[in-house]
Protein backbone atom coordinates (compact mmCIF):
# COMPACT_ATOMS: atom_id res chain seq x y z
CA MET A 1 0.11 -0.14 -0.22
CA THR A 2 1.42 3.59 -0.98
CA SER A 3 0.42 6.97 0.02
CA SER A 4 2.03 10.17 0.51
CA PHE A 5 1.93 13.67 2.26
CA LEU A 6 3.08 16.72 1.93
CA VAL A 7 5.29 18.20 4.93
CA PHE A 8 5.23 22.54 5.09
CA PRO A 9 8.22 24.18 6.49
CA SER A 10 6.82 25.43 9.95
CA LYS A 11 7.50 28.97 9.13
CA PRO A 12 8.42 29.90 5.97
CA THR A 13 11.61 31.42 6.04
CA GLY A 14 12.59 31.22 1.91
CA ASN A 15 10.47 34.09 1.03
CA ASN A 16 11.68 33.74 -2.79
CA ARG A 17 14.45 34.63 -2.20
CA ARG A 18 17.36 33.57 -4.90
CA ILE A 19 20.68 32.10 -4.12
CA GLU A 20 22.86 32.25 -7.27
CA LEU A 21 24.66 29.47 -8.05
CA ALA A 22 28.51 28.78 -8.64
CA GLY A 23 29.57 27.02 -12.01
CA PHE A 24 31.17 24.60 -9.33
CA ASP A 25 27.23 23.52 -8.28
CA LEU A 26 25.91 22.93 -12.01
CA TRP A 27 25.85 19.43 -11.60
CA THR A 28 22.77 18.99 -13.84
CA ASN A 29 22.81 15.60 -14.20
CA GLY A 30 24.02 14.55 -10.90
CA ARG A 31 22.14 13.31 -7.84
CA ILE A 32 23.04 11.32 -4.67
CA ASP A 33 20.79 8.51 -3.55
CA ASN A 34 20.91 7.54 -0.06
CA VAL A 35 19.10 4.59 1.90
CA PHE A 36 18.89 3.94 5.81
CA VAL A 37 17.53 0.81 7.06
CA TYR A 38 16.45 1.16 11.15
CA PRO A 39 15.76 -2.03 13.27
CA SER A 40 12.41 -0.80 14.14
CA GLU A 41 9.68 2.46 13.97
CA ILE A 42 9.95 5.78 12.45
CA ASN A 43 7.09 7.56 14.17
CA ILE A 44 5.38 9.34 11.46
CA ASP A 45 3.87 12.12 13.43
CA GLN A 46 7.66 12.83 15.01
CA PHE A 47 9.19 12.54 11.65
CA LYS A 48 6.62 15.04 9.91
CA GLU A 49 7.29 17.73 12.39
CA ALA A 50 11.28 16.93 12.16
CA LEU A 51 11.12 17.49 8.30
CA SER A 52 8.76 20.57 8.98
CA ARG A 53 11.65 22.38 11.48
CA THR A 54 14.28 21.41 9.53
CA SER A 55 12.73 22.84 6.04
CA SER A 56 12.36 25.75 7.66
CA LEU A 57 16.09 25.55 8.56
CA TRP A 58 17.05 24.62 5.27
CA PRO A 59 14.81 26.93 3.00
CA LEU A 60 17.28 25.70 0.27
CA VAL A 61 16.36 22.24 -0.08
CA ALA A 62 12.44 23.21 -0.73
CA GLY A 63 13.18 25.56 -3.39
CA ARG A 64 13.19 25.17 -7.05
CA VAL A 65 15.94 26.26 -9.56
CA ARG A 66 15.26 29.01 -11.94
CA LEU A 67 17.17 30.35 -14.61
CA GLU A 68 18.01 34.08 -15.60
CA ASP A 69 19.25 35.81 -18.89
CA ASP A 70 20.18 32.42 -19.96
CA GLU A 71 22.99 31.88 -18.04
CA ARG A 72 22.66 32.76 -14.32
CA TYR A 73 21.46 29.67 -12.41
CA MET A 74 19.39 30.42 -9.23
CA ILE A 75 17.52 28.34 -6.51
CA GLU A 76 14.34 30.30 -5.58
CA MET A 77 13.60 29.43 -2.05
CA SER A 78 9.86 29.33 -2.42
CA ASP A 79 9.14 27.19 0.84
CA ASN A 80 7.36 24.26 -1.11
CA PRO A 81 6.29 21.64 0.68
CA ILE A 82 8.34 18.50 1.04
CA THR A 83 6.34 15.31 -0.66
CA VAL A 84 6.79 12.41 1.81
CA THR A 85 5.96 8.86 0.03
CA LEU A 86 4.82 5.88 2.71
CA VAL A 87 5.05 2.32 1.60
CA ILE A 88 3.31 -0.41 3.76
CA ASN A 89 5.14 -3.57 2.58
CA ASN A 90 3.83 -6.34 3.09
CA ASP A 91 5.81 -8.97 0.70
CA LEU A 92 9.44 -9.02 1.56
CA ASN A 93 10.16 -10.61 5.07
CA LYS A 94 13.30 -8.75 5.75
CA TRP A 95 15.83 -6.16 4.72
CA PRO A 96 17.09 -7.82 1.45
CA LEU A 97 20.59 -6.74 2.00
CA ASP A 98 24.03 -7.61 4.12
CA SER A 99 25.64 -4.79 5.52
CA ASN A 100 27.98 -3.68 3.11
CA VAL A 101 27.92 -0.10 2.25
CA ILE A 102 28.24 -0.10 -0.86
CA VAL A 103 25.51 -1.92 -3.53
CA GLU A 104 26.27 -2.99 -7.21
CA LEU A 105 24.03 -1.18 -10.09
CA ASN A 106 23.40 -4.71 -11.38
CA GLN A 107 22.18 -6.23 -8.38
CA ASN A 108 20.44 -3.10 -7.04
CA PRO A 109 17.15 -3.09 -4.58
CA LEU A 110 17.30 0.45 -3.44
CA PRO A 111 14.91 1.93 -6.11
CA ALA A 112 12.77 0.49 -4.55
CA PHE A 113 13.15 2.49 -1.68
CA LEU A 114 13.79 5.26 -3.32
CA ASP A 115 11.48 7.98 -4.55
CA GLU A 116 14.22 9.29 -7.23
CA ILE A 117 14.53 12.89 -8.39
CA GLN A 118 13.81 13.35 -12.17
CA VAL A 119 17.32 15.00 -12.86
CA THR A 120 16.35 15.95 -16.43
CA LYS A 121 13.31 18.17 -15.46
CA VAL A 122 15.08 20.05 -12.32
CA PHE A 123 15.81 22.91 -14.88
CA ASP A 124 12.63 22.67 -16.67
CA LYS A 125 10.51 25.34 -14.93
CA SER A 126 7.50 23.66 -16.58
CA GLN A 127 7.77 20.89 -14.79
CA ASP A 128 8.72 21.92 -11.07
CA GLU A 129 10.85 19.01 -10.34
CA PRO A 130 11.64 19.42 -6.32
CA LEU A 131 15.31 18.94 -5.30
CA VAL A 132 15.20 16.43 -2.53
CA ARG A 133 12.55 13.20 -2.35
CA ILE A 134 12.09 11.35 0.58
CA LYS A 135 10.47 7.85 1.24
CA LEU A 136 9.60 5.88 3.54
CA THR A 137 8.77 2.11 3.58
CA HIS A 138 7.63 -0.04 6.43
CA LEU A 139 8.77 -3.57 6.19
CA ILE A 140 5.63 -5.26 8.35
CA GLN A 141 7.11 -9.01 8.42
CA SER A 142 10.27 -7.74 10.28
CA GLY A 143 9.13 -4.31 11.73
CA GLU A 144 12.14 -2.66 10.21
CA TRP A 145 11.86 1.00 8.54
CA VAL A 146 13.56 2.50 5.44
CA LEU A 147 14.32 5.63 4.87
CA GLY A 148 14.84 6.92 1.11
CA VAL A 149 16.52 9.95 0.22
CA SER A 150 17.11 11.65 -3.62
CA TRP A 151 19.27 14.69 -3.49
CA SER A 152 19.97 16.55 -6.23
CA HIS A 153 23.60 17.78 -6.38
CA VAL A 154 23.39 20.73 -7.51
CA LEU A 155 21.86 21.22 -3.74
CA GLY A 156 25.54 20.22 -2.84
CA ASP A 157 27.51 17.84 -2.33
CA ALA A 158 27.83 14.51 0.34
CA ALA A 159 28.77 17.14 3.03
CA ALA A 160 25.97 19.10 2.82
CA PHE A 161 23.51 16.03 2.28
CA LEU A 162 25.00 14.53 5.46
CA HIS A 163 24.53 18.20 7.40
CA PHE A 164 20.57 18.39 6.09
CA SER A 165 20.13 14.29 6.86
CA ASN A 166 21.97 14.83 10.52
CA THR A 167 19.75 17.90 11.31
CA LEU A 168 16.76 16.08 10.00
CA SER A 169 17.82 12.94 12.71
CA CYS A 170 18.67 15.38 15.00
CA PHE A 171 15.17 17.24 15.25
CA TYR A 172 13.46 14.26 15.53
CA LEU A 173 15.17 13.17 18.44
CA GLN A 174 14.40 16.72 19.88
CA MET A 175 17.81 17.75 20.00
CA GLU A 176 19.30 20.96 18.61
CA PRO A 177 21.35 20.16 15.26
CA ARG A 178 25.08 19.61 15.82
CA GLY A 179 26.82 22.60 14.18
CA PRO A 180 27.45 24.99 11.92
CA LEU A 181 24.31 26.12 10.92
CA PRO A 182 23.71 26.12 6.88
CA ILE A 183 24.78 28.79 5.02
CA PHE A 184 23.60 28.98 1.35
CA GLU A 185 25.06 31.75 -0.07
CA ARG A 186 28.47 30.99 -1.98
CA ARG A 187 31.07 33.04 -3.94
CA LEU A 188 31.02 33.42 -7.72
CA TRP A 189 34.13 32.93 -9.40
CA ARG A 190 35.46 35.63 -12.19
CA GLU A 191 36.96 34.57 -15.21
CA ASP A 192 40.11 36.79 -14.26
CA GLU A 193 40.35 35.06 -11.19
CA ALA A 194 41.57 31.91 -13.48
CA ASP A 195 44.68 30.53 -14.15
CA GLN A 196 44.75 28.51 -16.92
CA SER A 197 48.19 26.83 -16.04
CA PHE A 198 46.11 24.76 -13.81
CA LEU A 199 44.25 23.04 -16.73
CA PRO A 200 46.85 19.96 -16.64
CA LEU A 201 45.54 19.32 -13.31
CA MET A 202 41.81 19.00 -14.40
CA LYS A 203 41.73 15.99 -17.21
CA GLN A 204 37.60 15.16 -16.03
CA GLN A 205 36.37 18.72 -16.21
CA HIS A 206 39.31 19.58 -19.13
CA ASP A 207 38.14 16.63 -21.24
CA SER A 208 35.10 16.59 -20.81
CA LYS A 209 32.67 14.31 -23.46
CA PRO A 210 29.00 14.60 -24.38
CA THR A 211 26.89 12.87 -21.98
CA ALA A 212 25.58 10.45 -24.16
CA GLU A 213 29.52 9.14 -24.52
CA ILE A 214 29.96 9.54 -20.85
CA ILE A 215 26.69 6.94 -20.29
CA LYS A 216 28.10 4.77 -22.43
CA ALA A 217 31.71 4.24 -21.04
CA PHE A 218 30.01 3.85 -17.84
CA LEU A 219 27.85 0.97 -19.18
CA ASP A 220 30.71 -0.66 -20.26
CA ASP A 221 32.86 -0.50 -17.45
CA GLN A 222 30.31 -2.31 -15.30
CA ILE A 223 30.54 -5.08 -17.78
CA THR A 224 34.63 -5.04 -18.70
CA TYR A 225 35.74 -4.04 -14.87
CA ASP A 226 34.77 -6.32 -11.62
CA PRO A 227 33.60 -5.26 -8.76
CA VAL A 228 35.98 -5.61 -5.28
CA ASN A 229 34.87 -4.58 -1.86
CA LEU A 230 37.34 -4.82 1.01
CA HIS A 231 36.64 -4.80 4.81
CA PHE A 232 39.42 -3.32 7.16
CA SER A 233 39.23 -3.17 10.79
CA GLY A 234 40.29 -0.23 12.92
CA LYS A 235 43.33 -2.02 14.27
CA GLN A 236 44.49 -3.18 10.48
CA LEU A 237 43.92 0.65 9.41
CA SER A 238 46.11 1.65 12.16
CA LYS A 239 48.80 -0.86 11.79
CA LEU A 240 48.62 0.17 8.13
CA ARG A 241 49.24 3.97 9.26
CA ILE A 242 52.22 3.18 11.10
CA LEU A 243 53.63 1.15 8.45
CA ALA A 244 52.97 4.13 6.53
CA GLY A 245 54.70 6.97 7.81
CA GLY A 246 52.54 7.26 11.44
CA ASN A 247 51.62 10.63 12.25
CA ASN A 248 52.73 11.95 9.35
CA VAL A 249 49.93 10.37 7.05
CA THR A 250 46.49 9.89 7.79
CA ILE A 251 44.58 6.49 7.61
CA GLN A 252 43.32 7.66 4.77
CA ASP A 253 46.20 8.29 2.97
CA SER A 254 47.83 5.23 3.98
CA LEU A 255 44.74 2.75 2.95
CA THR A 256 45.12 4.62 -0.36
CA ALA A 257 48.44 3.77 -0.40
CA TYR A 258 48.43 0.00 0.15
CA ILE A 259 45.47 -0.48 -2.10
CA ILE A 260 47.57 1.60 -4.62
CA LEU A 261 50.77 -0.77 -3.79
CA THR A 262 49.01 -3.95 -4.15
CA LEU A 263 47.96 -3.40 -7.66
CA ASN A 264 50.82 -2.19 -8.76
CA THR A 265 53.13 -4.93 -7.41
CA TYR A 266 50.80 -7.87 -8.04
CA CYS A 267 48.36 -6.66 -10.83
CA TYR A 268 50.39 -3.69 -12.65
CA SER A 269 54.34 -4.54 -12.13
CA ASN A 270 54.82 -5.01 -16.04
CA ASN A 271 51.90 -2.78 -17.32
CA ASP A 272 53.51 0.89 -18.35
CA GLU A 273 49.82 2.28 -18.89
CA ARG A 274 48.18 1.02 -15.84
CA ARG A 275 50.54 1.23 -13.33
CA ILE A 276 48.87 4.18 -10.71
CA LEU A 277 51.63 6.72 -10.21
CA ARG A 278 49.57 9.42 -8.83
CA THR A 279 45.95 9.53 -7.29
CA ASN A 280 43.30 11.96 -8.05
CA THR A 281 41.45 13.04 -4.80
CA ALA A 282 38.29 14.53 -3.83
CA VAL A 283 39.05 17.28 -1.44
CA ASN A 284 36.24 19.53 0.96
CA TYR A 285 37.67 22.99 1.21
CA ARG A 286 35.38 24.09 3.43
CA GLY A 287 36.72 25.92 6.47
CA VAL A 288 40.18 26.74 4.83
CA SER A 289 38.98 30.32 4.33
CA ASP A 290 35.79 31.81 5.08
CA GLU A 291 36.23 33.93 1.87
CA ILE A 292 36.30 30.52 -0.13
CA ALA A 293 33.87 28.40 1.44
CA SER A 294 32.96 28.53 5.55
CA LYS A 295 32.43 25.02 7.28
CA GLY A 296 28.83 25.29 7.42
CA GLN A 297 28.24 25.87 3.28
CA VAL A 298 25.52 24.45 1.64
CA SER A 299 27.13 23.79 -1.80
CA ASN A 300 29.50 21.57 -3.68
CA ALA A 301 33.11 22.13 -1.96
CA VAL A 302 34.86 19.46 -3.59
CA LEU A 303 38.24 19.76 -5.97
CA MET A 304 39.46 16.94 -7.27
CA MET A 305 43.36 17.10 -6.54
CA LEU A 306 45.94 15.21 -8.76
CA SER A 307 49.02 14.55 -6.56
CA ASP A 308 52.70 14.65 -8.04
CA ASN A 309 54.11 11.30 -9.43
CA PHE A 310 55.27 8.95 -6.71
CA ASP A 311 59.33 8.75 -6.72
CA ASP A 312 58.66 4.88 -5.55
CA PRO A 313 55.39 3.56 -6.38
CA TYR A 314 56.18 0.19 -4.83
CA SER A 315 56.94 1.81 -1.31
CA LEU A 316 53.89 2.36 1.04
CA SER A 317 55.62 5.01 2.75
CA ASN A 318 56.42 7.27 -0.57
CA ILE A 319 52.92 6.49 -1.92
CA ALA A 320 51.23 7.70 1.36
CA THR A 321 53.68 10.73 1.94
CA THR A 322 53.06 12.49 -2.03
CA ILE A 323 49.44 11.92 -1.39
CA ARG A 324 49.41 13.86 1.95
CA GLY A 325 52.17 16.40 0.18
CA SER A 326 48.84 16.84 -2.09
CA ILE A 327 46.37 17.31 0.38
CA LYS A 328 48.35 20.00 2.70
CA LYS A 329 48.91 21.61 -1.17
CA SER A 330 45.27 22.05 -1.29
CA ARG A 331 44.92 23.43 1.69
CA ASP A 332 46.88 26.93 0.50
CA SER A 333 43.86 29.31 0.07
CA LYS A 334 45.94 31.04 -2.43
CA PHE A 335 46.21 27.84 -4.59
CA LEU A 336 42.77 27.37 -3.92
CA GLU A 337 41.13 30.39 -5.50
CA ALA A 338 43.04 30.02 -9.02
CA TRP A 339 42.17 26.51 -8.38
CA ILE A 340 38.49 26.88 -8.04
CA ALA A 341 38.03 29.68 -10.51
CA THR A 342 39.43 28.00 -13.29
CA ALA A 343 37.50 24.40 -12.44
CA ASP A 344 34.25 26.74 -12.42
CA GLY A 345 34.64 28.30 -15.49
CA LEU A 346 35.32 24.74 -17.33
CA MET A 347 32.01 23.62 -15.70
CA ARG A 348 30.13 26.73 -17.34
CA LYS A 349 31.22 25.82 -20.33
CA ASN A 350 30.67 22.32 -20.28
CA ILE A 351 26.79 23.71 -19.62
CA LYS A 352 26.88 25.60 -22.38
CA ASP A 353 28.59 22.83 -24.59
CA ASP A 354 26.03 20.30 -23.16
CA LYS A 355 29.03 17.91 -22.11
CA SER A 356 29.34 16.19 -18.81
CA ILE A 357 32.62 15.58 -16.58
CA ASP A 358 34.80 12.27 -17.89
CA MET A 359 35.21 10.26 -14.50
CA GLY A 360 36.72 7.41 -16.48
CA ILE A 361 40.09 6.27 -16.10
CA PHE A 362 42.84 7.53 -17.28
CA SER A 363 46.87 6.56 -17.70
CA ASN A 364 48.74 5.63 -14.44
CA GLU A 365 46.11 7.30 -12.09
CA ILE A 366 43.38 6.22 -9.62
CA VAL A 367 40.09 8.32 -8.41
CA VAL A 368 39.97 8.46 -4.29
CA ASN A 369 36.44 9.39 -3.05
CA SER A 370 36.26 8.92 0.31
CA ASN A 371 33.43 9.48 3.20
CA LEU A 372 35.69 8.08 5.89
CA ARG A 373 35.14 11.60 7.86
CA TYR A 374 31.53 11.32 7.68
CA ASP A 375 30.18 8.63 9.78
CA TRP A 376 26.38 8.30 7.65
CA ALA A 377 25.08 5.34 9.92
CA SER A 378 25.76 7.13 13.59
CA LEU A 379 24.74 10.70 12.29
CA VAL A 380 21.68 9.82 10.80
CA ASP A 381 20.24 6.98 13.09
CA PHE A 382 17.04 8.41 14.44
CA GLY A 383 18.02 7.28 17.76
CA TYR A 384 18.91 3.92 16.91
CA THR A 385 22.37 3.96 18.03
CA ASP A 386 24.57 1.34 16.23
CA LYS A 387 21.72 -0.26 14.81
CA CYS A 388 21.04 1.97 11.94
CA ARG A 389 22.61 0.78 8.46
CA PHE A 390 23.55 3.23 5.41
CA TYR A 391 23.73 2.31 1.98
CA THR A 392 24.70 3.53 -1.46
CA ALA A 393 24.91 2.42 -5.04
CA TRP A 394 27.73 2.29 -7.53
CA THR A 395 31.20 1.74 -8.27
CA GLY A 396 33.77 2.69 -10.72
CA ALA A 397 36.93 1.45 -12.74
CA LEU A 398 39.68 2.33 -10.51
CA TYR A 399 37.63 4.70 -8.46
CA LEU A 400 37.43 4.11 -4.78
CA ARG A 401 35.00 4.65 -2.76
CA ILE A 402 35.39 4.58 1.03
CA TYR A 403 32.82 4.55 3.74
CA ARG A 404 32.74 3.75 7.61
CA LEU A 405 31.60 0.09 8.24
CA ASN A 406 28.10 -0.33 8.99
CA PRO A 407 26.87 -2.41 12.15
CA GLU A 408 25.93 -6.06 11.78
CA LYS A 409 23.88 -8.54 12.83
CA ASN A 410 24.54 -12.22 13.98
CA GLY A 411 21.21 -13.84 13.77
CA ASN A 412 19.00 -11.58 15.89
CA GLU A 413 21.97 -10.37 18.14
CA TRP A 414 24.12 -6.78 16.90
CA LEU A 415 27.45 -6.86 16.72
CA PRO A 416 29.84 -4.64 18.69
CA ARG A 417 30.13 -1.98 15.98
CA ASP A 418 34.16 -1.16 15.02
CA GLN A 419 33.60 2.33 14.66
CA ASP A 420 37.10 3.02 13.80
CA GLY A 421 37.15 0.24 10.13
CA ALA A 422 36.48 1.06 6.68
CA GLU A 423 35.27 -0.64 3.93
CA VAL A 424 36.77 0.18 0.18
CA SER A 425 35.02 -0.51 -2.82
CA PHE A 426 35.62 -0.27 -7.01
CA ARG A 427 36.04 -2.15 -10.14
CA MET A 428 39.29 -3.67 -11.48
CA GLU A 429 40.03 -5.87 -14.78
CA LYS A 430 38.40 -9.23 -14.01
CA ASP A 431 41.37 -11.08 -14.82
CA LEU A 432 43.48 -9.78 -12.31
CA LYS A 433 40.89 -9.83 -9.64
CA GLU A 434 41.72 -12.75 -8.27
CA LYS A 435 45.69 -11.87 -8.16
CA PHE A 436 44.43 -8.50 -6.36
CA VAL A 437 42.20 -9.89 -3.56
CA ASP A 438 44.34 -13.51 -3.02
CA ALA A 439 47.47 -10.57 -2.33
CA TRP A 440 44.82 -8.48 0.12
CA LYS A 441 43.83 -11.79 2.05
CA ARG A 442 47.67 -13.00 2.59
CA ASP A 443 48.08 -9.67 3.96
CA ILE A 444 45.19 -9.60 6.46
CA ILE A 445 46.52 -12.90 7.42
CA GLU A 446 50.50 -11.93 7.66
CA HIS A 447 49.08 -8.73 9.43
CA PHE A 448 50.65 -6.80 6.67
CA GLU A 449 54.26 -7.69 7.91
CA ASN A 450 55.57 -8.51 4.60
CA VAL A 451 54.13 -5.09 2.88
CA ARG A 452 57.05 -2.96 1.52
CA LYS A 453 57.08 0.14 3.34
């Protein structure tokens, strides 16, 4: 049985004010779809009240995209109600997935638990497509509840999405949201702030392609490359960090370095084109400078930071310290301003040319897009501490996605959660997957004692 209801802001705060989008926000074909699973009831009345309060604090999400002068993109904060779809499911005896965060597209049940945004309609004023859609599903037989949220990428990146979702969870629990407060105004970048010498660092944006070509390549990769899903405990990650350089690098640096080292050693040692010599890392630049993006900025505040080449692509510590050096470089405000202005201009040009960013494989590179700093399952748990599970879909070829581990159950018992563990998912060549996985399993058994530092 399916029904729906409208949730209006507790008080109108948008008042049709318009926020102009930077070029960096023009992910016109993008959305983020996330699903949360709870072991028991989500109270509908409490949920309505929480969403109503959240909409008042976050009027941007209740707005609509508008276009002025054929080139200026706005979100008009029009205080629209948010539609929530409610499904009573009597068919499933329980949630159908295990605890892996990442779900593969070819076996993806998540769309049944989502009311997906129609991204092709977001920029069509006649369609009045919302920027966020919410769906609740009650699995009668197991008593579980499922929350699916579809989020337009023009609203912001994953960090902005989590900020919104956490606010909703906090209001549901009658708690004040964790800071900072959301800030919607953003800096608009000028052409004369760009630096064309940065273009070689921006292959994805600079080498954009028609959307149809991007989609075809993406579908081909889903067939050509096999998925790999690895789990690391908190203790294992701590050991890798010690081996990679200790306090000179982060857990994420050492984890990325280990994946690269293992690929280079066991899969690409005789492949000059595929041997990984550098990373392209998604970096959240909020908080570096309030003039660029404050900590509470609701926008797409992520740059793709290309590292220098590794001096030794077979050394864990050299790879990790090279990655750390690139991250430190991205924290320099002068570098950031020039980089963002240049990428911003490329994004605007791609929109005019009807092209999309190429997120495919580039020779000797691997992409790193980590959510390790964001504990989705904990921050959107609606009070079910260490019993909420979080899911999202898609893996790409040599595109690392990293998340905190989900809570796990053994029969009807919830196991103690490893708060510091991580899940890594990506796709790689079918004929090399077994070599890689066998090497990883051997390293786990040997406690990484034979990993080359």
